[in-house]
Amino acid sequence: MVNSGWFNQQCMQCKRLAAYLRQVRQEHPAYHCKPVPPFGDAQASFVIVGLAPGKHGANASGRPFTGDHAGILLYETLFRYGFSNQPESHDQNDGLRLRNCRITNAVKCLPPENRPLHDEIVNCNGYLAAELNGMRSGNVVLALGTIAHNAILRALNLRQSQFRFSHGCHHRLPNGLNLIDSYHCSRYNTQTRRLTPRMFDQVFETARLLVSSA
């Protein structure tokens, strides 16, 4: 279970990111423009880890993958596999609820050009570690992209060389967690067909099977 006091929405540890959030807040005063907390069940058996909030998505809405293109495929798929009560995510007041699932990011603040620096990923890793260390053996973590995959391994004190990222790969980790890899459901990946809905379905079929057997 995740401790409710672990997350700091006033975190300014990464000076570059804090400065960028101030700049974006001036351009868009109604945006969230703070670290974006995880969304979903604090005791979930299935945790999805993305890269970072999108400028006009999670950074605006304050909820992961909400309001941007990357969330379209993700929330449609979550609904289809029984992990949510509706297939769309618009804003924090849309009634969306996750079922035995939580969504978070490797980096909780919006980075310029959606590219966090290595030090920023490391600085934010303690938050991810607090989430993952509360999970039980047999639970499932889905990494959306290589950065998320490596951040998960770092949070669990595991070597990246032991568990290489590969789309669709299922890694059984030493602590009993199941790590599944997927290409990120970004606009670029879906529009170039690097990631198709069928490919994403196959990942979720594996995840649902593992969650149900945990």
Protein backbone atom coordinates (compact mmCIF):
# COMPACT_ATOMS: atom_id res chain seq x y z
CA MET A 1 0.00 0.00 0.00
CA VAL A 2 1.24 3.48 -0.86
CA ASN A 3 1.66 5.81 2.12
CA SER A 4 -0.59 8.84 1.57
CA GLY A 5 2.14 11.17 2.83
CA TRP A 6 4.85 10.08 0.37
CA PHE A 7 4.09 12.55 -2.44
CA ASN A 8 4.99 16.25 -2.40
CA GLN A 9 3.10 18.39 -4.92
CA GLN A 10 5.30 21.34 -3.95
CA CYS A 11 8.53 19.54 -4.86
CA MET A 12 11.06 21.85 -6.56
CA GLN A 13 14.12 19.61 -6.37
CA CYS A 14 14.78 19.88 -10.11
CA LYS A 15 15.51 23.55 -10.75
CA ARG A 16 15.17 23.33 -14.54
CA LEU A 17 11.76 21.67 -14.28
CA ALA A 18 10.55 24.11 -11.61
CA ALA A 19 11.57 27.05 -13.80
CA TYR A 20 9.84 25.53 -16.81
CA LEU A 21 6.63 24.99 -14.83
CA ARG A 22 6.67 28.65 -13.79
CA GLN A 23 7.03 29.64 -17.44
CA VAL A 24 4.16 27.40 -18.57
CA ARG A 25 1.97 28.66 -15.72
CA GLN A 26 2.43 32.20 -17.00
CA GLU A 27 1.34 31.08 -20.47
CA HIS A 28 -1.54 28.93 -19.16
CA PRO A 29 -2.70 30.17 -15.71
CA ALA A 30 -5.47 27.56 -15.48
CA TYR A 31 -3.10 24.60 -15.90
CA HIS A 32 -2.09 22.35 -12.98
CA CYS A 33 1.64 23.11 -13.51
CA LYS A 34 2.84 21.13 -10.49
CA PRO A 35 4.11 17.61 -9.93
CA VAL A 36 1.34 15.25 -11.08
CA PRO A 37 0.39 12.59 -8.51
CA PRO A 38 -0.48 9.01 -9.42
CA PHE A 39 -4.07 8.18 -10.25
CA GLY A 40 -6.01 5.11 -9.18
CA ASP A 41 -6.11 2.46 -6.48
CA ALA A 42 -3.41 2.92 -3.84
CA GLN A 43 -3.39 -0.87 -3.25
CA ALA A 44 -3.57 -1.85 -6.93
CA SER A 45 -2.10 -5.11 -8.17
CA PHE A 46 -1.45 -3.49 -11.55
CA VAL A 47 0.64 -0.32 -11.88
CA ILE A 48 1.35 1.46 -15.17
CA VAL A 49 4.42 3.70 -15.37
CA GLY A 50 4.72 6.32 -18.12
CA LEU A 51 7.43 8.85 -18.89
CA ALA A 52 6.30 12.30 -17.71
CA PRO A 53 3.24 14.60 -17.85
CA GLY A 54 2.38 16.05 -21.27
CA LYS A 55 2.28 19.83 -21.53
CA HIS A 56 -1.38 20.07 -22.56
CA GLY A 57 -2.39 16.76 -20.99
CA ALA A 58 -1.49 15.71 -17.46
CA ASN A 59 0.34 18.99 -16.80
CA ALA A 60 -2.90 20.79 -17.60
CA SER A 61 -5.39 18.43 -15.97
CA GLY A 62 -3.33 17.23 -13.00
CA ARG A 63 -4.07 13.57 -13.79
CA PRO A 64 -1.77 11.17 -15.68
CA PHE A 65 -2.55 10.69 -19.39
CA THR A 66 -5.63 12.89 -19.13
CA GLY A 67 -6.39 15.38 -21.87
CA ASP A 68 -3.72 14.38 -24.39
CA HIS A 69 -3.36 12.00 -27.32
CA ALA A 70 -1.34 9.41 -25.38
CA GLY A 71 -4.28 8.82 -23.07
CA ILE A 72 -6.72 7.88 -25.85
CA LEU A 73 -5.40 4.38 -26.52
CA LEU A 74 -4.44 3.82 -22.88
CA TYR A 75 -7.86 4.52 -21.38
CA GLU A 76 -9.74 2.74 -24.17
CA THR A 77 -7.63 -0.34 -23.49
CA LEU A 78 -7.98 -0.11 -19.71
CA PHE A 79 -11.76 -0.04 -20.11
CA ARG A 80 -11.80 -2.96 -22.53
CA TYR A 81 -9.80 -5.11 -20.13
CA GLY A 82 -11.87 -4.24 -17.07
CA PHE A 83 -9.44 -1.89 -15.33
CA SER A 84 -11.66 1.23 -15.55
CA ASN A 85 -15.32 2.19 -15.57
CA GLN A 86 -15.23 4.24 -18.79
CA PRO A 87 -13.09 4.44 -21.95
CA GLU A 88 -12.24 8.15 -21.97
CA SER A 89 -10.35 10.54 -19.70
CA HIS A 90 -11.12 14.24 -20.03
CA ASP A 91 -10.56 15.92 -16.65
CA GLN A 92 -10.56 15.19 -12.94
CA ASN A 93 -14.33 15.64 -12.71
CA ASP A 94 -15.32 13.22 -15.48
CA GLY A 95 -16.23 10.34 -13.15
CA LEU A 96 -13.44 8.03 -14.33
CA ARG A 97 -12.45 5.35 -11.83
CA LEU A 98 -9.72 2.75 -12.10
CA ARG A 99 -10.19 -0.82 -10.85
CA ASN A 100 -7.23 -2.55 -9.19
CA CYS A 101 -4.99 -0.29 -11.27
CA ARG A 102 -2.84 2.80 -10.74
CA ILE A 103 -1.16 5.06 -13.30
CA THR A 104 1.97 7.09 -12.55
CA ASN A 105 5.05 8.50 -14.28
CA ALA A 106 8.80 8.06 -13.93
CA VAL A 107 9.10 11.86 -13.77
CA LYS A 108 6.27 13.72 -12.07
CA CYS A 109 6.87 17.17 -13.60
CA LEU A 110 6.57 18.38 -17.17
CA PRO A 111 10.02 18.45 -18.87
CA PRO A 112 10.83 20.73 -21.81
CA GLU A 113 10.15 18.93 -25.10
CA ASN A 114 9.05 15.91 -23.02
CA ARG A 115 12.70 15.02 -22.45
CA PRO A 116 13.79 14.79 -18.82
CA LEU A 117 17.49 14.86 -18.06
CA HIS A 118 19.19 11.90 -16.39
CA ASP A 119 19.58 13.79 -13.08
CA GLU A 120 15.87 14.68 -13.11
CA ILE A 121 14.89 11.04 -13.59
CA VAL A 122 17.17 10.10 -10.69
CA ASN A 123 15.84 12.90 -8.46
CA CYS A 124 12.27 11.74 -9.00
CA ASN A 125 13.01 8.06 -8.57
CA GLY A 126 12.38 8.06 -4.84
CA TYR A 127 8.69 8.77 -5.49
CA LEU A 128 8.44 5.79 -7.82
CA ALA A 129 10.30 3.61 -5.35
CA ALA A 130 7.76 4.52 -2.64
CA GLU A 131 4.97 3.33 -4.93
CA LEU A 132 6.58 0.11 -6.10
CA ASN A 133 7.99 -0.98 -2.76
CA GLY A 134 4.44 -1.34 -1.44
CA MET A 135 3.52 -3.90 -4.07
CA ARG A 136 3.27 -7.62 -3.35
CA SER A 137 4.91 -10.59 -5.02
CA GLY A 138 2.95 -11.55 -8.11
CA ASN A 139 1.76 -8.00 -8.79
CA VAL A 140 2.28 -6.48 -12.24
CA VAL A 141 4.10 -3.33 -13.39
CA LEU A 142 3.77 -2.14 -16.98
CA ALA A 143 6.54 0.09 -18.33
CA LEU A 144 5.53 2.40 -21.16
CA GLY A 145 8.85 2.97 -22.88
CA THR A 146 12.53 2.51 -22.10
CA ILE A 147 12.84 5.43 -19.66
CA ALA A 148 9.97 4.08 -17.55
CA HIS A 149 11.44 0.57 -17.73
CA ASN A 150 14.84 1.76 -16.50
CA ALA A 151 13.29 3.96 -13.81
CA ILE A 152 11.39 0.95 -12.46
CA LEU A 153 14.57 -1.10 -12.26
CA ARG A 154 16.38 1.77 -10.53
CA ALA A 155 13.53 2.13 -8.02
CA LEU A 156 13.84 -1.58 -7.21
CA ASN A 157 17.66 -1.48 -7.00
CA LEU A 158 18.04 -3.80 -10.00
CA ARG A 159 20.63 -3.63 -12.76
CA GLN A 160 19.39 -2.48 -16.16
CA SER A 161 21.76 -4.91 -17.88
CA GLN A 162 19.90 -7.84 -16.34
CA PHE A 163 16.49 -6.86 -17.72
CA ARG A 164 16.63 -5.24 -21.15
CA PHE A 165 13.63 -3.35 -22.52
CA SER A 166 11.79 -5.08 -25.35
CA HIS A 167 8.19 -4.50 -26.40
CA GLY A 168 5.94 -7.30 -25.16
CA CYS A 169 8.64 -8.80 -22.95
CA HIS A 170 7.65 -10.21 -19.55
CA HIS A 171 10.36 -10.05 -16.89
CA ARG A 172 10.02 -11.96 -13.62
CA LEU A 173 11.90 -9.85 -11.10
CA PRO A 174 13.78 -11.18 -8.04
CA ASN A 175 11.27 -9.62 -5.63
CA GLY A 176 8.39 -11.51 -7.27
CA LEU A 177 6.98 -8.61 -9.29
CA ASN A 178 6.14 -9.08 -12.95
CA LEU A 179 7.50 -6.34 -15.23
CA ILE A 180 5.96 -6.05 -18.70
CA ASP A 181 7.35 -3.76 -21.41
CA SER A 182 5.44 -1.82 -24.04
CA TYR A 183 6.25 0.94 -26.44
CA HIS A 184 4.80 4.21 -25.13
CA CYS A 185 1.31 5.01 -26.42
CA SER A 186 2.46 8.41 -27.67
CA ARG A 187 1.06 10.12 -30.75
CA TYR A 188 4.30 9.45 -32.63
CA ASN A 189 4.29 5.72 -31.88
CA THR A 190 0.62 5.19 -32.68
CA GLN A 191 0.59 7.29 -35.84
CA THR A 192 3.73 5.64 -37.23
CA ARG A 193 2.26 2.22 -36.31
CA ARG A 194 5.25 1.39 -34.19
CA LEU A 195 2.56 0.61 -31.62
CA THR A 196 -0.77 -0.66 -32.93
CA PRO A 197 -3.95 -1.28 -30.90
CA ARG A 198 -3.45 -5.02 -31.40
CA MET A 199 0.10 -4.84 -30.06
CA PHE A 200 -1.17 -2.95 -27.03
CA ASP A 201 -3.97 -5.50 -26.55
CA GLN A 202 -1.43 -8.30 -26.46
CA VAL A 203 0.43 -6.54 -23.67
CA PHE A 204 -2.78 -6.09 -21.69
CA GLU A 205 -3.80 -9.69 -22.25
CA THR A 206 -0.58 -10.73 -20.53
CA ALA A 207 -1.10 -8.21 -17.74
CA ARG A 208 -4.69 -9.23 -17.07
CA LEU A 209 -3.75 -12.91 -16.96
CA LEU A 210 -0.96 -12.24 -14.46
CA VAL A 211 -3.14 -9.95 -12.31
CA SER A 212 -5.96 -12.49 -12.19
CA SER A 213 -3.58 -15.30 -11.18
CA ALA A 214 -1.72 -13.30 -8.52
